[in-house]
Protein backbone atom coordinates (compact mmCIF):
# COMPACT_ATOMS: atom_id res chain seq x y z
CA MET A 1 8.27 35.24 -16.35
CA PHE A 2 5.55 36.04 -14.24
CA LYS A 3 3.04 33.60 -15.59
CA LEU A 4 5.92 30.81 -15.83
CA ALA A 5 6.44 30.95 -12.39
CA ILE A 6 2.53 30.85 -11.38
CA SER A 7 2.15 27.51 -13.97
CA ARG A 8 5.06 25.87 -12.10
CA ARG A 9 3.53 26.53 -9.12
CA LEU A 10 0.15 25.03 -10.05
CA ASN A 11 1.57 22.33 -11.66
CA VAL A 12 0.95 19.36 -9.11
CA LEU A 13 3.74 17.37 -10.59
CA ASN A 14 5.82 19.45 -9.12
CA LEU A 15 5.36 17.61 -5.78
CA VAL A 16 7.29 14.47 -7.05
CA SER A 17 10.65 14.59 -6.50
CA ASP A 18 13.14 14.06 -9.31
CA LYS A 19 15.96 14.41 -6.71
CA PRO A 20 17.02 11.16 -4.21
CA THR A 21 15.12 12.10 -1.04
CA SER A 22 17.59 9.89 0.91
CA LYS A 23 19.71 7.08 0.57
CA THR A 24 17.31 4.69 -0.12
CA TRP A 25 15.66 6.82 -2.62
CA LEU A 26 13.44 4.31 -4.67
CA PRO A 27 11.20 5.94 -7.33
CA SER A 28 9.67 3.18 -8.83
CA LEU A 29 7.77 2.59 -5.51
CA ASP A 30 5.92 5.47 -5.52
CA GLY A 31 4.48 3.84 -8.66
CA LEU A 32 4.07 0.80 -6.97
CA ARG A 33 2.08 2.70 -3.98
CA ALA A 34 -0.13 4.30 -6.62
CA ILE A 35 -0.89 0.58 -8.19
CA ALA A 36 -1.72 -0.30 -4.26
CA LEU A 37 -4.41 2.71 -4.30
CA LEU A 38 -5.71 2.56 -7.49
CA LEU A 39 -6.72 -1.36 -6.52
CA VAL A 40 -8.52 -0.41 -3.34
CA PHE A 41 -10.04 2.88 -5.39
CA LEU A 42 -11.43 0.32 -8.31
CA GLU A 43 -13.13 -1.93 -6.52
CA HIS A 44 -14.87 0.13 -4.16
CA VAL A 45 -15.79 2.83 -6.61
CA THR A 46 -16.66 0.74 -9.52
CA GLY A 47 -18.59 -1.56 -6.99
CA ASN A 48 -20.45 1.29 -5.99
CA VAL A 49 -21.34 3.54 -9.36
CA PHE A 50 -21.54 1.03 -11.93
CA VAL A 51 -23.64 -1.90 -9.91
CA GLU A 52 -26.70 -0.13 -10.76
CA ASP A 53 -26.19 -0.02 -14.47
CA ALA A 54 -25.52 -3.87 -14.04
CA SER A 55 -28.49 -4.51 -12.45
CA ASN A 56 -30.36 -2.19 -15.02
CA ASP A 57 -29.08 -3.06 -18.40
CA GLY A 58 -26.18 -5.59 -18.31
CA SER A 59 -24.32 -4.17 -20.91
CA ILE A 60 -21.06 -5.72 -21.84
CA SER A 61 -18.96 -2.24 -20.91
CA THR A 62 -20.41 -2.28 -17.77
CA ALA A 63 -19.56 -5.78 -16.78
CA PHE A 64 -15.93 -4.72 -17.73
CA LEU A 65 -15.86 -1.84 -15.18
CA ASN A 66 -17.44 -3.26 -12.26
CA PHE A 67 -14.50 -4.06 -10.16
CA GLY A 68 -16.81 -4.68 -7.30
CA ASP A 69 -16.19 -8.39 -6.63
CA ALA A 70 -12.76 -9.09 -8.16
CA GLY A 71 -10.61 -9.08 -4.97
CA MET A 72 -8.97 -6.19 -6.10
CA GLY A 73 -9.32 -4.46 -2.85
CA ARG A 74 -7.90 -6.93 -0.24
CA SER A 75 -4.97 -7.23 -2.82
CA GLY A 76 -4.22 -3.86 -3.03
CA VAL A 77 -3.90 -3.25 0.82
CA TYR A 78 -2.15 -6.13 1.13
CA LEU A 79 0.41 -4.50 -1.14
CA PHE A 80 0.64 -1.38 1.25
CA PHE A 81 1.56 -3.73 4.02
CA VAL A 82 4.35 -5.45 1.83
CA LEU A 83 5.25 -2.35 0.80
CA SER A 84 5.57 -0.77 4.37
CA SER A 85 7.38 -3.55 5.95
CA PHE A 86 9.74 -3.72 3.18
CA LEU A 87 10.51 0.11 3.32
CA LEU A 88 11.17 0.21 7.07
CA THR A 89 12.80 -3.24 7.47
CA SER A 90 15.21 -2.51 4.87
CA GLN A 91 15.88 1.20 6.45
CA LEU A 92 16.74 -1.14 9.83
CA LEU A 93 18.96 -3.34 8.04
CA ARG A 94 21.15 -0.75 6.22
CA PRO A 95 24.62 -0.52 6.77
CA GLY A 96 25.85 2.11 9.98
CA ILE A 97 22.29 1.58 11.70
CA ARG A 98 23.12 1.06 15.34
CA LEU A 99 19.79 -0.76 16.68
CA LYS A 100 20.55 -0.47 20.10
CA SER A 101 20.64 3.10 20.05
CA PHE A 102 17.71 4.78 22.13
CA GLN A 103 18.00 7.42 19.64
CA LEU A 104 17.07 5.49 16.99
CA TRP A 105 13.99 4.40 18.42
CA ILE A 106 12.76 7.67 19.59
CA ASN A 107 13.13 9.06 15.94
CA TYR A 108 11.67 5.72 14.47
CA VAL A 109 8.46 6.39 17.03
CA TYR A 110 8.59 10.04 15.88
CA LYS A 111 8.50 9.33 12.32
CA ARG A 112 5.83 6.71 12.42
CA LEU A 113 3.57 9.21 14.28
CA ILE A 114 3.88 12.19 12.22
CA ARG A 115 3.42 9.89 9.10
CA VAL A 116 0.17 8.40 10.00
CA TYR A 117 -1.85 10.63 12.65
CA PRO A 118 -1.92 14.50 11.47
CA LEU A 119 -3.86 13.55 8.38
CA TYR A 120 -5.85 10.28 9.77
CA VAL A 121 -6.50 12.80 12.93
CA PHE A 122 -7.75 15.43 10.55
CA VAL A 123 -10.11 13.31 8.85
CA LEU A 124 -11.50 11.86 11.71
CA VAL A 125 -12.33 15.80 12.62
CA VAL A 126 -14.02 16.18 9.15
CA TYR A 127 -16.17 12.78 9.77
CA THR A 128 -16.94 14.00 13.49
CA ILE A 129 -18.35 17.62 12.37
CA PHE A 130 -20.42 16.34 9.50
CA SER A 131 -23.45 14.57 10.69
CA SER A 132 -24.05 12.27 7.71
CA PHE A 133 -20.82 10.23 8.92
CA GLN A 134 -22.88 9.56 11.98
CA TYR A 135 -19.70 9.94 13.96
CA ASN A 136 -19.50 10.95 17.33
CA ILE A 137 -16.61 12.44 19.81
CA GLN A 138 -16.52 8.61 21.48
CA ASP A 139 -15.89 7.47 17.77
CA PHE A 140 -13.21 9.81 17.50
CA PHE A 141 -11.54 9.09 20.55
CA GLU A 142 -11.95 5.22 19.69
CA HIS A 143 -10.09 5.47 15.95
CA VAL A 144 -7.55 7.75 17.45
CA THR A 145 -6.82 5.44 20.12
CA LEU A 146 -7.25 2.40 17.96
CA GLN A 147 -9.83 0.67 19.68
CA GLU A 148 -12.21 0.86 16.54
CA ALA A 149 -11.69 1.21 12.96
CA GLY A 150 -14.87 1.89 10.47
CA ASN A 151 -14.85 0.90 6.69
CA HIS A 152 -11.64 1.49 5.76
CA PHE A 153 -10.03 2.57 8.50
CA TRP A 154 -9.42 -0.85 9.48
CA THR A 155 -5.59 -0.86 7.92
CA ILE A 156 -4.41 1.84 10.35
CA PRO A 157 -4.79 0.24 13.53
CA VAL A 158 -3.26 -3.09 11.88
CA GLU A 159 -0.41 -1.22 10.36
CA VAL A 160 0.37 0.77 13.73
CA LYS A 161 0.55 -2.40 15.61
CA TYR A 162 3.26 -3.69 12.86
CA TYR A 163 5.28 -0.70 13.15
CA ILE A 164 5.29 -1.83 16.63
CA LEU A 165 6.47 -5.08 16.29
CA LEU A 166 9.27 -4.19 13.58
CA PRO A 167 11.87 -2.99 16.25
CA SER A 168 11.80 -6.63 17.78
CA ILE A 169 11.55 -8.19 14.36
CA ALA A 170 14.66 -6.03 13.16
CA LEU A 171 16.75 -7.15 16.23
CA ILE A 172 15.84 -11.07 16.09
CA ILE A 173 16.65 -11.04 12.28
CA THR A 174 19.96 -9.05 13.20
CA LYS A 175 21.14 -10.38 15.94
CA LEU A 176 19.41 -13.90 16.76
CA LEU A 177 19.46 -15.30 13.16
CA ARG A 178 22.54 -13.10 12.05
CA ARG A 179 20.58 -12.08 9.05
CA ARG A 180 20.64 -15.41 7.61
CA LEU A 181 17.80 -16.06 4.66
CA SER A 182 17.59 -19.35 5.39
CA LEU A 183 17.19 -19.02 9.29
CA VAL A 184 14.98 -16.11 8.81
CA LEU A 185 12.77 -18.15 6.22
CA ILE A 186 12.55 -21.02 8.49
CA ALA A 187 11.55 -18.97 11.53
CA PHE A 188 9.05 -16.96 9.50
CA THR A 189 7.23 -19.67 7.91
CA GLY A 190 7.59 -21.38 10.99
CA ILE A 191 5.25 -18.62 12.24
CA SER A 192 2.87 -18.29 9.80
CA ILE A 193 2.36 -22.32 9.74
CA ILE A 194 1.36 -21.98 13.49
CA LEU A 195 -1.08 -19.03 12.49
CA LYS A 196 -2.58 -21.16 9.80
CA LEU A 197 -2.93 -24.46 12.58
CA PHE A 198 -4.90 -21.78 14.17
CA GLU A 199 -6.81 -20.20 11.66
CA SER A 200 -10.01 -20.80 12.81
CA SER A 201 -9.10 -18.95 16.34
CA ILE A 202 -7.09 -16.57 14.54
CA LEU A 203 -9.30 -15.52 11.77
CA SER A 204 -12.28 -15.13 14.21
CA LEU A 205 -10.24 -12.55 15.97
CA ASP A 206 -11.55 -8.62 16.02
CA ARG A 207 -10.69 -7.54 12.75
CA LEU A 208 -8.28 -4.92 14.12
CA SER A 209 -6.09 -7.63 15.12
CA LEU A 210 -2.43 -8.11 13.55
CA LEU A 211 -2.33 -11.94 13.77
CA PRO A 212 -4.61 -12.35 10.63
CA HIS A 213 -2.25 -10.17 8.65
CA LEU A 214 1.37 -11.03 10.37
CA PRO A 215 2.51 -13.08 7.42
CA ILE A 216 2.05 -10.63 4.83
CA PHE A 217 4.17 -8.15 6.83
CA PHE A 218 6.81 -11.14 7.60
CA ILE A 219 6.76 -11.16 3.39
CA GLY A 220 7.73 -7.90 3.64
CA SER A 221 10.55 -8.04 5.83
CA ILE A 222 12.14 -10.67 4.29
CA ALA A 223 11.88 -9.08 1.06
CA ALA A 224 13.88 -6.28 2.51
CA LEU A 225 16.80 -8.61 3.40
CA ILE A 226 16.49 -10.26 0.08
CA HIS A 227 16.69 -6.85 -1.52
CA VAL A 228 19.59 -5.17 0.86
CA ASP A 229 21.77 -8.56 0.13
CA LEU A 230 21.28 -8.30 -3.65
CA PHE A 231 21.60 -4.65 -3.36
CA SER A 232 25.17 -5.24 -1.79
CA LYS A 233 26.18 -7.14 -4.86
CA ARG A 234 27.52 -4.84 -7.40
CA ASP A 235 28.56 -7.00 -10.20
CA ILE A 236 25.01 -8.50 -11.06
CA GLY A 237 25.37 -9.41 -14.85
CA VAL A 238 22.66 -8.23 -17.45
CA LYS A 239 21.62 -11.42 -18.02
CA TYR A 240 20.91 -12.41 -14.39
CA LYS A 241 18.74 -8.84 -14.43
CA THR A 242 17.30 -9.79 -17.47
CA TRP A 243 15.70 -13.28 -16.08
CA MET A 244 14.45 -11.06 -12.83
CA GLU A 245 12.62 -8.77 -15.28
CA ILE A 246 11.05 -11.51 -16.87
CA VAL A 247 10.36 -12.66 -13.44
CA SER A 248 8.51 -9.56 -12.60
CA ILE A 249 6.49 -9.45 -15.65
CA LEU A 250 5.39 -12.92 -14.89
CA SER A 251 4.53 -12.45 -11.30
CA ILE A 252 2.33 -9.26 -12.07
CA LEU A 253 0.62 -11.04 -15.06
CA ALA A 254 -0.24 -13.88 -12.25
CA ILE A 255 -1.55 -11.17 -9.98
CA LEU A 256 -3.93 -9.40 -12.80
CA LEU A 257 -5.23 -12.55 -14.12
CA SER A 258 -6.22 -13.89 -10.39
CA TYR A 259 -8.62 -11.06 -10.19
CA LYS A 260 -12.08 -12.46 -11.20
CA THR A 261 -12.83 -9.70 -13.95
CA ALA A 262 -14.87 -9.69 -16.95
CA ALA A 263 -11.66 -9.70 -18.79
CA SER A 264 -9.88 -12.39 -16.79
CA SER A 265 -13.06 -14.57 -16.71
CA PHE A 266 -13.36 -14.25 -20.96
CA LEU A 267 -9.63 -15.40 -21.33
CA TRP A 268 -9.79 -18.14 -18.79
CA ASN A 269 -12.91 -19.66 -20.55
CA LEU A 270 -11.29 -18.92 -23.91
CA ILE A 271 -7.95 -21.00 -22.53
CA PHE A 272 -9.54 -23.81 -20.38
CA GLY A 273 -13.01 -24.37 -22.14
CA TYR A 274 -15.07 -23.72 -18.61
CA GLU A 275 -15.95 -20.64 -16.35
CA MET A 276 -13.33 -19.27 -13.80
CA PRO A 277 -13.86 -20.59 -10.38
CA GLU A 278 -15.08 -18.07 -7.69
CA ILE A 279 -12.74 -16.79 -5.82
CA PRO A 280 -13.34 -18.05 -2.38
CA SER A 281 -13.75 -15.77 0.54
CA ASN A 282 -10.37 -17.65 1.84
CA HIS A 283 -8.15 -15.25 3.46
CA TRP A 284 -4.84 -17.58 3.00
CA LEU A 285 -5.45 -16.87 -0.36
CA TYR A 286 -4.54 -13.29 -0.27
CA ILE A 287 -1.44 -14.45 0.88
CA LEU A 288 -0.36 -15.44 -1.87
CA HIS A 289 -0.88 -12.29 -3.35
CA GLY A 290 1.12 -10.84 -0.79
CA LEU A 291 4.18 -13.52 -1.55
CA LEU A 292 3.97 -12.39 -5.46
CA TRP A 293 3.94 -8.91 -4.79
CA SER A 294 7.07 -9.33 -2.74
CA ILE A 295 8.41 -11.11 -5.53
CA PHE A 296 7.55 -8.35 -8.02
CA LEU A 297 8.78 -6.21 -5.60
CA ILE A 298 12.41 -7.70 -5.46
CA SER A 299 12.67 -8.68 -8.97
CA HIS A 300 11.84 -5.47 -10.71
CA LEU A 301 14.20 -3.64 -8.42
CA ASN A 302 17.09 -5.80 -9.55
CA GLY A 303 15.98 -6.23 -13.38
CA ARG A 304 17.08 -4.17 -16.07
CA GLY A 305 14.46 -1.13 -15.35
CA TRP A 306 11.86 -1.79 -18.14
CA ILE A 307 9.33 -2.35 -15.20
CA GLY A 308 10.80 0.56 -13.07
CA GLY A 309 10.99 2.85 -15.55
CA LEU A 310 7.36 2.33 -15.91
CA LEU A 311 6.63 2.48 -12.25
CA ALA A 312 8.70 5.74 -12.37
CA TRP A 313 6.54 7.99 -14.76
CA LYS A 314 5.76 11.11 -13.05
CA PRO A 315 2.08 11.15 -13.08
CA LEU A 316 1.64 7.54 -11.39
CA ARG A 317 4.49 8.62 -8.97
CA TYR A 318 2.03 11.57 -8.10
CA ILE A 319 -0.86 9.49 -7.28
CA GLY A 320 1.66 7.52 -5.00
CA VAL A 321 2.68 10.47 -3.17
CA ILE A 322 -0.73 11.43 -2.17
CA SER A 323 -1.84 7.89 -1.67
CA PHE A 324 -2.44 7.96 2.00
CA GLY A 325 -4.60 10.74 1.32
CA MET A 326 -6.46 9.12 -1.47
CA TYR A 327 -7.26 6.21 0.63
CA LEU A 328 -8.62 7.98 3.89
CA TRP A 329 -10.75 10.27 1.74
CA HIS A 330 -12.03 8.22 -1.35
CA ILE A 331 -15.05 7.09 0.82
CA ALA A 332 -16.26 9.81 2.21
CA ILE A 333 -16.38 11.20 -1.26
CA LEU A 334 -17.52 8.30 -2.97
CA GLY A 335 -20.50 8.38 -0.65
CA TYR A 336 -21.26 11.96 -1.32
CA LEU A 337 -20.95 12.07 -4.80
CA ASN A 338 -22.47 8.91 -5.69
CA ALA A 339 -25.79 9.98 -3.46
CA HIS A 340 -25.61 13.86 -5.19
CA LEU A 341 -24.58 13.53 -8.60
CA ALA A 342 -27.01 12.47 -11.27
CA VAL A 343 -24.74 11.93 -14.17
CA PRO A 344 -23.89 8.81 -16.02
CA SER A 345 -21.83 6.41 -13.92
CA MET A 346 -18.66 7.06 -16.03
CA ILE A 347 -18.72 10.38 -15.67
CA LYS A 348 -19.19 9.90 -11.90
CA PHE A 349 -16.24 7.58 -11.73
CA ILE A 350 -14.50 10.50 -13.48
CA ALA A 351 -15.67 13.07 -11.24
CA ILE A 352 -14.77 10.83 -7.81
CA PHE A 353 -11.55 10.05 -8.64
CA CYS A 354 -10.52 14.27 -9.82
CA VAL A 355 -12.33 15.53 -6.47
CA THR A 356 -10.62 12.71 -4.18
CA SER A 357 -6.97 13.49 -6.16
CA ALA A 358 -7.47 17.44 -5.66
CA VAL A 359 -8.70 17.14 -1.78
CA SER A 360 -5.66 14.53 -1.33
CA THR A 361 -3.20 17.03 -3.12
CA VAL A 362 -4.55 19.99 -0.73
CA THR A 363 -4.16 17.91 2.44
CA TYR A 364 -0.71 16.74 0.90
CA ILE A 365 0.52 20.64 0.60
CA MET A 366 -1.17 21.57 4.24
CA ILE A 367 -0.35 18.75 6.15
CA GLU A 368 1.41 15.59 5.39
CA ARG A 369 4.37 17.48 3.46
CA PRO A 370 4.78 20.43 6.11
CA ILE A 371 4.82 18.10 9.13
CA THR A 372 7.20 15.49 7.38
CA LYS A 373 9.68 18.49 7.25
CA PHE A 374 9.73 19.03 11.30
CA LYS A 375 13.24 17.79 12.41
CA PHE A 376 13.55 15.76 15.24
CA PRO A 377 16.37 16.35 17.55
CA PHE A 378 17.48 13.07 17.73
CA ASN A 379 18.37 12.68 13.34
CA GLN A 380 21.94 11.81 13.04
CA LYS A 381 23.27 10.37 10.17
CA SER A 382 24.18 6.99 11.67
CA TYR A 383 20.48 6.49 12.82
CA TYR A 384 18.27 8.87 10.85
CA LEU A 385 15.45 6.84 9.35
CA THR A 386 13.27 8.29 6.38
CA ARG A 387 9.45 8.29 5.90
């Protein structure tokens, strides 16, 4: 009995809840969050670990495993952005939510702060303590105050800025546009077109600016409005659900085939008879990925549940639960193990994944999970927001 209790405690999959944690609980989104993390992880890690093998022997196996130039990383980050705006907008559009409530927004700010800052600050402290990262006290405070963000940390200021903007967007959708999808689409599309017209000016802005990524967040918010509307219609037929499932499968296939991997290049050449074009370094191409991710998101949530069942697989959801930690830690662990571990590339890749998962699990248990359990005084049901 004692051994059974110990084994249950040591089973990391117990971190994944099987019971609804809120009224908006969607287990497949944990799996989708894991997909976003894995896309970023694969591009960063394989692009560094397998690059030496590719230059030395040029083997086919190495070529198939190196995703460094596939475009997965930015696509994965944009999936994170779509998910974030989708989830938060969905909560703000729920029936019974009083958008004019002061307590609602106090609770909203509190939830966003405890979701991001505790672990982010801890990671920055580690970066500052160890000299190999070359972070000093000034770098630490510039990162905490969102004035600077080295390497992969750039996503934190961008996302926090959307958190600040989202209340205004929710009010515009609800009060000004009366939650009418056609008006929301016209308004957000118009803003995106304006951003496109000033593309050269926008893309020359500081890399921490929200503006270049605003259309992606808009897409997530629009997806939330569509989903809330569909979810309110309980009489959706089986035929409709089947078509939604087919759309979700087609959208994910389109995304996967758009990555310039050895496999997709081979298929492209086989089907079309010529080499797959280079992915242009065009920021707006990735906005198409954001649109496809949102289509996949809506369709799989309102489909037959085939894709949703795969995404709700517990090991995948576990990666989703610790994904924020894995995102923050993976570059540091990649840099250290890649420099100090003299083993074959595949073993090194597995080691980096395992160590990153282990460290992220520890910081989730020690920092993320306890912090999110802190209750704020203003958390009545009428305006309570989950993470």
